[in-house]
Amino acid sequence: MDPRLLEILACPICKGALRHDRSAQELICDIDRLAYPIRDGIPIMMVDQARQLDPADPHEGASPAAGAPQVQDPQG
């Protein structure tokens, strides 16, 4: 997914930042615990298409570097 696109996309519910889960091909909203699918390279930002993450599992949808500080690309 193009990093520039990820910078401008926001959760349609809370308007918060999303993170890309490459292995699951989803955009994750950690605030609302929702995973928006990416199909054929296109993010599907419709709430009724989002998957609810298990609230009992704080690691579901977590990236391999969960907890690590996220660094912005200086050229992004």
PDB file of N, CA and C in Angstrom:
ATOM      1  N   MET A   1       0.843  -1.178   0.000  1.00  0.00           N
ATOM      2  CA  MET A   1       0.000   0.000   0.000  1.00  0.00           C
ATOM      3  C   MET A   1       0.883   1.235   0.000  1.00  0.00           C
ATOM      4  N   ASP A   2       0.496   2.197  -0.764  1.00  0.00           N
ATOM      5  CA  ASP A   2       1.242   3.440  -0.882  1.00  0.00           C
ATOM      6  C   ASP A   2       1.233   4.176   0.464  1.00  0.00           C
ATOM      7  N   PRO A   3       2.412   4.474   1.030  1.00  0.00           N
ATOM      8  CA  PRO A   3       2.465   5.170   2.323  1.00  0.00           C
ATOM      9  C   PRO A   3       1.764   6.528   2.298  1.00  0.00           C
ATOM     10  N   ARG A   4       1.757   7.183   1.147  1.00  0.00           N
ATOM     11  CA  ARG A   4       1.075   8.485   1.058  1.00  0.00           C
ATOM     12  C   ARG A   4      -0.423   8.325   1.238  1.00  0.00           C
ATOM     13  N   LEU A   5      -0.980   7.227   0.711  1.00  0.00           N
ATOM     14  CA  LEU A   5      -2.404   6.973   0.880  1.00  0.00           C
ATOM     15  C   LEU A   5      -2.719   6.699   2.346  1.00  0.00           C
ATOM     16  N   LEU A   6      -1.872   5.935   2.999  1.00  0.00           N
ATOM     17  CA  LEU A   6      -2.075   5.623   4.409  1.00  0.00           C
ATOM     18  C   LEU A   6      -2.058   6.890   5.261  1.00  0.00           C
ATOM     19  N   GLU A   7      -1.254   7.863   4.876  1.00  0.00           N
ATOM     20  CA  GLU A   7      -1.187   9.125   5.616  1.00  0.00           C
ATOM     21  C   GLU A   7      -2.494   9.904   5.569  1.00  0.00           C
ATOM     22  N   ILE A   8      -3.240   9.804   4.471  1.00  0.00           N
ATOM     23  CA  ILE A   8      -4.453  10.612   4.357  1.00  0.00           C
ATOM     24  C   ILE A   8      -5.720   9.856   4.753  1.00  0.00           C
ATOM     25  N   LEU A   9      -5.654   8.520   4.810  1.00  0.00           N
ATOM     26  CA  LEU A   9      -6.823   7.756   5.226  1.00  0.00           C
ATOM     27  C   LEU A   9      -7.004   7.853   6.732  1.00  0.00           C
ATOM     28  N   ALA A  10      -8.263   7.842   7.166  1.00  0.00           N
ATOM     29  CA  ALA A  10      -8.580   7.884   8.589  1.00  0.00           C
ATOM     30  C   ALA A  10      -9.757   6.960   8.846  1.00  0.00           C
ATOM     31  N   CYS A  11      -9.884   6.537  10.079  1.00  0.00           N
ATOM     32  CA  CYS A  11     -11.020   5.708  10.466  1.00  0.00           C
ATOM     33  C   CYS A  11     -12.304   6.511  10.249  1.00  0.00           C
ATOM     34  N   PRO A  12     -13.288   5.928   9.579  1.00  0.00           N
ATOM     35  CA  PRO A  12     -14.522   6.680   9.337  1.00  0.00           C
ATOM     36  C   PRO A  12     -15.343   6.927  10.603  1.00  0.00           C
ATOM     37  N   ILE A  13     -15.047   6.225  11.674  1.00  0.00           N
ATOM     38  CA  ILE A  13     -15.801   6.429  12.920  1.00  0.00           C
ATOM     39  C   ILE A  13     -15.150   7.503  13.790  1.00  0.00           C
ATOM     40  N   CYS A  14     -13.879   7.274  14.156  1.00  0.00           N
ATOM     41  CA  CYS A  14     -13.229   8.183  15.111  1.00  0.00           C
ATOM     42  C   CYS A  14     -12.315   9.207  14.437  1.00  0.00           C
ATOM     43  N   LYS A  15     -12.099   9.045  13.142  1.00  0.00           N
ATOM     44  CA  LYS A  15     -11.206   9.915  12.358  1.00  0.00           C
ATOM     45  C   LYS A  15      -9.749   9.779  12.788  1.00  0.00           C
ATOM     46  N   GLY A  16      -9.441   8.694  13.505  1.00  0.00           N
ATOM     47  CA  GLY A  16      -8.081   8.456  13.975  1.00  0.00           C
ATOM     48  C   GLY A  16      -7.212   7.804  12.908  1.00  0.00           C
ATOM     49  N   ALA A  17      -5.938   7.700  13.238  1.00  0.00           N
ATOM     50  CA  ALA A  17      -4.961   7.109  12.326  1.00  0.00           C
ATOM     51  C   ALA A  17      -5.183   5.605  12.205  1.00  0.00           C
ATOM     52  N   LEU A  18      -4.794   5.089  11.062  1.00  0.00           N
ATOM     53  CA  LEU A  18      -4.872   3.658  10.792  1.00  0.00           C
ATOM     54  C   LEU A  18      -3.471   3.123  10.604  1.00  0.00           C
ATOM     55  N   ARG A  19      -3.302   1.835  10.868  1.00  0.00           N
ATOM     56  CA  ARG A  19      -2.022   1.213  10.575  1.00  0.00           C
ATOM     57  C   ARG A  19      -2.260   0.022   9.660  1.00  0.00           C
ATOM     58  N   HIS A  20      -1.280  -0.229   8.824  1.00  0.00           N
ATOM     59  CA  HIS A  20      -1.394  -1.268   7.804  1.00  0.00           C
ATOM     60  C   HIS A  20      -0.877  -2.587   8.344  1.00  0.00           C
ATOM     61  N   ASP A  21      -1.740  -3.599   8.360  1.00  0.00           N
ATOM     62  CA  ASP A  21      -1.328  -4.963   8.698  1.00  0.00           C
ATOM     63  C   ASP A  21      -1.112  -5.669   7.366  1.00  0.00           C
ATOM     64  N   ARG A  22       0.138  -5.740   6.949  1.00  0.00           N
ATOM     65  CA  ARG A  22       0.462  -6.300   5.635  1.00  0.00           C
ATOM     66  C   ARG A  22       0.080  -7.765   5.515  1.00  0.00           C
ATOM     67  N   SER A  23       0.317  -8.534   6.566  1.00  0.00           N
ATOM     68  CA  SER A  23       0.052  -9.974   6.488  1.00  0.00           C
ATOM     69  C   SER A  23      -1.435 -10.280   6.341  1.00  0.00           C
ATOM     70  N   ALA A  24      -2.292  -9.489   6.983  1.00  0.00           N
ATOM     71  CA  ALA A  24      -3.741  -9.717   6.899  1.00  0.00           C
ATOM     72  C   ALA A  24      -4.392  -8.878   5.805  1.00  0.00           C
ATOM     73  N   GLN A  25      -3.624  -7.975   5.186  1.00  0.00           N
ATOM     74  CA  GLN A  25      -4.157  -7.045   4.190  1.00  0.00           C
ATOM     75  C   GLN A  25      -5.365  -6.301   4.749  1.00  0.00           C
ATOM     76  N   GLU A  26      -5.116  -5.606   5.867  1.00  0.00           N
ATOM     77  CA  GLU A  26      -6.151  -4.827   6.540  1.00  0.00           C
ATOM     78  C   GLU A  26      -5.554  -3.523   7.044  1.00  0.00           C
ATOM     79  N   LEU A  27      -6.426  -2.526   7.188  1.00  0.00           N
ATOM     80  CA  LEU A  27      -6.068  -1.295   7.870  1.00  0.00           C
ATOM     81  C   LEU A  27      -6.715  -1.361   9.242  1.00  0.00           C
ATOM     82  N   ILE A  28      -5.919  -1.171  10.289  1.00  0.00           N
ATOM     83  CA  ILE A  28      -6.372  -1.362  11.659  1.00  0.00           C
ATOM     84  C   ILE A  28      -6.579  -0.020  12.348  1.00  0.00           C
ATOM     85  N   CYS A  29      -7.748   0.123  12.983  1.00  0.00           N
ATOM     86  CA  CYS A  29      -8.003   1.251  13.875  1.00  0.00           C
ATOM     87  C   CYS A  29      -7.896   0.702  15.290  1.00  0.00           C
ATOM     88  N   ASP A  30      -6.829   1.074  15.988  1.00  0.00           N
ATOM     89  CA  ASP A  30      -6.616   0.580  17.341  1.00  0.00           C
ATOM     90  C   ASP A  30      -7.620   1.173  18.327  1.00  0.00           C
ATOM     91  N   ILE A  31      -8.113   2.354  18.065  1.00  0.00           N
ATOM     92  CA  ILE A  31      -9.065   3.000  18.976  1.00  0.00           C
ATOM     93  C   ILE A  31     -10.402   2.269  18.961  1.00  0.00           C
ATOM     94  N   ASP A  32     -10.931   2.020  17.765  1.00  0.00           N
ATOM     95  CA  ASP A  32     -12.240   1.370  17.648  1.00  0.00           C
ATOM     96  C   ASP A  32     -12.150  -0.146  17.558  1.00  0.00           C
ATOM     97  N   ARG A  33     -10.907  -0.682  17.491  1.00  0.00           N
ATOM     98  CA  ARG A  33     -10.679  -2.134  17.392  1.00  0.00           C
ATOM     99  C   ARG A  33     -11.381  -2.709  16.165  1.00  0.00           C
ATOM    100  N   LEU A  34     -11.197  -2.033  15.018  1.00  0.00           N
ATOM    101  CA  LEU A  34     -11.768  -2.476  13.754  1.00  0.00           C
ATOM    102  C   LEU A  34     -10.653  -2.698  12.747  1.00  0.00           C
ATOM    103  N   ALA A  35     -10.874  -3.676  11.865  1.00  0.00           N
ATOM    104  CA  ALA A  35      -9.935  -3.980  10.791  1.00  0.00           C
ATOM    105  C   ALA A  35     -10.672  -3.819   9.465  1.00  0.00           C
ATOM    106  N   TYR A  36     -10.250  -2.852   8.669  1.00  0.00           N
ATOM    107  CA  TYR A  36     -10.851  -2.597   7.369  1.00  0.00           C
ATOM    108  C   TYR A  36     -10.083  -3.379   6.311  1.00  0.00           C
ATOM    109  N   PRO A  37     -10.775  -4.156   5.486  1.00  0.00           N
ATOM    110  CA  PRO A  37     -10.077  -4.991   4.505  1.00  0.00           C
ATOM    111  C   PRO A  37      -9.486  -4.175   3.352  1.00  0.00           C
ATOM    112  N   ILE A  38      -8.443  -4.730   2.768  1.00  0.00           N
ATOM    113  CA  ILE A  38      -7.874  -4.187   1.536  1.00  0.00           C
ATOM    114  C   ILE A  38      -8.085  -5.271   0.490  1.00  0.00           C
ATOM    115  N   ARG A  39      -8.866  -4.960  -0.528  1.00  0.00           N
ATOM    116  CA  ARG A  39      -9.170  -5.936  -1.580  1.00  0.00           C
ATOM    117  C   ARG A  39      -8.631  -5.428  -2.912  1.00  0.00           C
ATOM    118  N   ASP A  40      -7.810  -6.246  -3.533  1.00  0.00           N
ATOM    119  CA  ASP A  40      -7.185  -5.888  -4.813  1.00  0.00           C
ATOM    120  C   ASP A  40      -6.474  -4.542  -4.716  1.00  0.00           C
ATOM    121  N   GLY A  41      -5.844  -4.292  -3.566  1.00  0.00           N
ATOM    122  CA  GLY A  41      -5.096  -3.064  -3.372  1.00  0.00           C
ATOM    123  C   GLY A  41      -5.940  -1.855  -3.017  1.00  0.00           C
ATOM    124  N   ILE A  42      -7.248  -2.049  -2.850  1.00  0.00           N
ATOM    125  CA  ILE A  42      -8.149  -0.929  -2.561  1.00  0.00           C
ATOM    126  C   ILE A  42      -8.677  -1.060  -1.130  1.00  0.00           C
ATOM    127  N   PRO A  43      -8.426  -0.045  -0.271  1.00  0.00           N
ATOM    128  CA  PRO A  43      -8.957  -0.095   1.083  1.00  0.00           C
ATOM    129  C   PRO A  43     -10.479   0.074   1.070  1.00  0.00           C
ATOM    130  N   ILE A  44     -11.171  -0.813   1.757  1.00  0.00           N
ATOM    131  CA  ILE A  44     -12.633  -0.754   1.853  1.00  0.00           C
ATOM    132  C   ILE A  44     -12.951  -0.098   3.194  1.00  0.00           C
ATOM    133  N   MET A  45     -13.263   1.188   3.155  1.00  0.00           N
ATOM    134  CA  MET A  45     -13.432   1.977   4.377  1.00  0.00           C
ATOM    135  C   MET A  45     -14.902   2.096   4.786  1.00  0.00           C
ATOM    136  N   MET A  46     -15.651   1.034   4.604  1.00  0.00           N
ATOM    137  CA  MET A  46     -17.054   1.019   5.008  1.00  0.00           C
ATOM    138  C   MET A  46     -17.170   0.246   6.319  1.00  0.00           C
ATOM    139  N   VAL A  47     -17.827   0.854   7.295  1.00  0.00           N
ATOM    140  CA  VAL A  47     -17.923   0.263   8.624  1.00  0.00           C
ATOM    141  C   VAL A  47     -18.571  -1.113   8.576  1.00  0.00           C
ATOM    142  N   ASP A  48     -19.561  -1.293   7.710  1.00  0.00           N
ATOM    143  CA  ASP A  48     -20.229  -2.596   7.656  1.00  0.00           C
ATOM    144  C   ASP A  48     -19.348  -3.686   7.039  1.00  0.00           C
ATOM    145  N   GLN A  49     -18.224  -3.309   6.447  1.00  0.00           N
ATOM    146  CA  GLN A  49     -17.280  -4.282   5.896  1.00  0.00           C
ATOM    147  C   GLN A  49     -16.108  -4.548   6.841  1.00  0.00           C
ATOM    148  N   ALA A  50     -16.015  -3.772   7.909  1.00  0.00           N
ATOM    149  CA  ALA A  50     -14.906  -3.915   8.852  1.00  0.00           C
ATOM    150  C   ALA A  50     -15.119  -5.120   9.753  1.00  0.00           C
ATOM    151  N   ARG A  51     -14.000  -5.693  10.158  1.00  0.00           N
ATOM    152  CA  ARG A  51     -14.017  -6.826  11.080  1.00  0.00           C
ATOM    153  C   ARG A  51     -13.718  -6.302  12.477  1.00  0.00           C
ATOM    154  N   GLN A  52     -14.564  -6.702  13.437  1.00  0.00           N
ATOM    155  CA  GLN A  52     -14.337  -6.310  14.834  1.00  0.00           C
ATOM    156  C   GLN A  52     -13.209  -7.149  15.410  1.00  0.00           C
ATOM    157  N   LEU A  53     -12.199  -6.489  15.960  1.00  0.00           N
ATOM    158  CA  LEU A  53     -11.112  -7.205  16.602  1.00  0.00           C
ATOM    159  C   LEU A  53     -11.560  -7.653  17.985  1.00  0.00           C
ATOM    160  N   ASP A  54     -11.040  -8.760  18.428  1.00  0.00           N
ATOM    161  CA  ASP A  54     -11.401  -9.327  19.724  1.00  0.00           C
ATOM    162  C   ASP A  54     -10.926  -8.394  20.837  1.00  0.00           C
ATOM    163  N   PRO A  55     -11.844  -7.820  21.622  1.00  0.00           N
ATOM    164  CA  PRO A  55     -11.425  -6.895  22.683  1.00  0.00           C
ATOM    165  C   PRO A  55     -10.640  -7.585  23.791  1.00  0.00           C
ATOM    166  N   ALA A  56     -10.799  -8.894  23.921  1.00  0.00           N
ATOM    167  CA  ALA A  56     -10.074  -9.633  24.953  1.00  0.00           C
ATOM    168  C   ALA A  56      -8.638  -9.941  24.547  1.00  0.00           C
ATOM    169  N   ASP A  57      -8.317  -9.772  23.269  1.00  0.00           N
ATOM    170  CA  ASP A  57      -6.982 -10.088  22.777  1.00  0.00           C
ATOM    171  C   ASP A  57      -6.298  -8.812  22.298  1.00  0.00           C
ATOM    172  N   PRO A  58      -5.486  -8.182  23.156  1.00  0.00           N
ATOM    173  CA  PRO A  58      -4.851  -6.919  22.769  1.00  0.00           C
ATOM    174  C   PRO A  58      -3.832  -7.073  21.645  1.00  0.00           C
ATOM    175  N   HIS A  59      -3.435  -8.325  21.332  1.00  0.00           N
ATOM    176  CA  HIS A  59      -2.441  -8.542  20.279  1.00  0.00           C
ATOM    177  C   HIS A  59      -3.069  -8.856  18.938  1.00  0.00           C
ATOM    178  N   GLU A  60      -4.391  -9.065  18.878  1.00  0.00           N
ATOM    179  CA  GLU A  60      -5.026  -9.343  17.590  1.00  0.00           C
ATOM    180  C   GLU A  60      -4.915  -8.095  16.721  1.00  0.00           C
ATOM    181  N   GLY A  61      -4.461  -8.306  15.516  1.00  0.00           N
ATOM    182  CA  GLY A  61      -4.288  -7.187  14.602  1.00  0.00           C
ATOM    183  C   GLY A  61      -3.015  -6.404  14.860  1.00  0.00           C
ATOM    184  N   ALA A  62      -2.230  -6.859  15.834  1.00  0.00           N
ATOM    185  CA  ALA A  62      -0.993  -6.163  16.160  1.00  0.00           C
ATOM    186  C   ALA A  62       0.064  -6.468  15.107  1.00  0.00           C
ATOM    187  N   SER A  63       0.827  -5.478  14.793  1.00  0.00           N
ATOM    188  CA  SER A  63       1.921  -5.679  13.847  1.00  0.00           C
ATOM    189  C   SER A  63       3.062  -6.395  14.568  1.00  0.00           C
ATOM    190  N   PRO A  64       3.997  -7.011  13.838  1.00  0.00           N
ATOM    191  CA  PRO A  64       5.113  -7.704  14.480  1.00  0.00           C
ATOM    192  C   PRO A  64       5.921  -6.797  15.393  1.00  0.00           C
ATOM    193  N   ALA A  65       5.928  -5.505  15.111  1.00  0.00           N
ATOM    194  CA  ALA A  65       6.677  -4.562  15.941  1.00  0.00           C
ATOM    195  C   ALA A  65       5.742  -3.820  16.892  1.00  0.00           C
ATOM    196  N   ALA A  66       4.685  -4.463  17.343  1.00  0.00           N
ATOM    197  CA  ALA A  66       3.733  -3.816  18.242  1.00  0.00           C
ATOM    198  C   ALA A  66       4.465  -3.310  19.474  1.00  0.00           C
ATOM    199  N   GLY A  67       4.142  -2.101  19.841  1.00  0.00           N
ATOM    200  CA  GLY A  67       4.782  -1.506  20.995  1.00  0.00           C
ATOM    201  C   GLY A  67       6.035  -0.738  20.636  1.00  0.00           C
ATOM    202  N   ALA A  68       6.570  -0.979  19.471  1.00  0.00           N
ATOM    203  CA  ALA A  68       7.754  -0.246  19.044  1.00  0.00           C
ATOM    204  C   ALA A  68       7.333   1.130  18.535  1.00  0.00           C
ATOM    205  N   PRO A  69       8.146   2.125  18.777  1.00  0.00           N
ATOM    206  CA  PRO A  69       7.794   3.458  18.276  1.00  0.00           C
ATOM    207  C   PRO A  69       7.730   3.453  16.749  1.00  0.00           C
ATOM    208  N   GLN A  70       6.751   4.163  16.222  1.00  0.00           N
ATOM    209  CA  GLN A  70       6.610   4.237  14.771  1.00  0.00           C
ATOM    210  C   GLN A  70       7.372   5.449  14.264  1.00  0.00           C
ATOM    211  N   VAL A  71       8.163   5.242  13.237  1.00  0.00           N
ATOM    212  CA  VAL A  71       8.978   6.307  12.673  1.00  0.00           C
ATOM    213  C   VAL A  71       8.385   6.702  11.333  1.00  0.00           C
ATOM    214  N   GLN A  72       8.165   7.997  11.151  1.00  0.00           N
ATOM    215  CA  GLN A  72       7.652   8.508   9.891  1.00  0.00           C
ATOM    216  C   GLN A  72       8.782   8.576   8.872  1.00  0.00           C
ATOM    217  N   ASP A  73       8.459   8.263   7.624  1.00  0.00           N
ATOM    218  CA  ASP A  73       9.435   8.391   6.537  1.00  0.00           C
ATOM    219  C   ASP A  73       9.662   9.883   6.297  1.00  0.00           C
ATOM    220  N   PRO A  74      10.903  10.371   6.410  1.00  0.00           N
ATOM    221  CA  PRO A  74      11.142  11.806   6.256  1.00  0.00           C
ATOM    222  C   PRO A  74      10.801  12.320   4.862  1.00  0.00           C
ATOM    223  N   GLN A  75      10.740  11.452   3.881  1.00  0.00           N
ATOM    224  CA  GLN A  75      10.397  11.890   2.530  1.00  0.00           C
ATOM    225  C   GLN A  75       8.937  11.670   2.216  1.00  0.00           C
ATOM    226  N   GLY A  76       8.152  11.100   3.179  1.00  0.00           N
ATOM    227  CA  GLY A  76       6.766  10.752   2.981  1.00  0.00           C
ATOM    228  C   GLY A  76       5.900  11.924   2.904  1.00  0.00           C
TER     229      GLY A  76
END
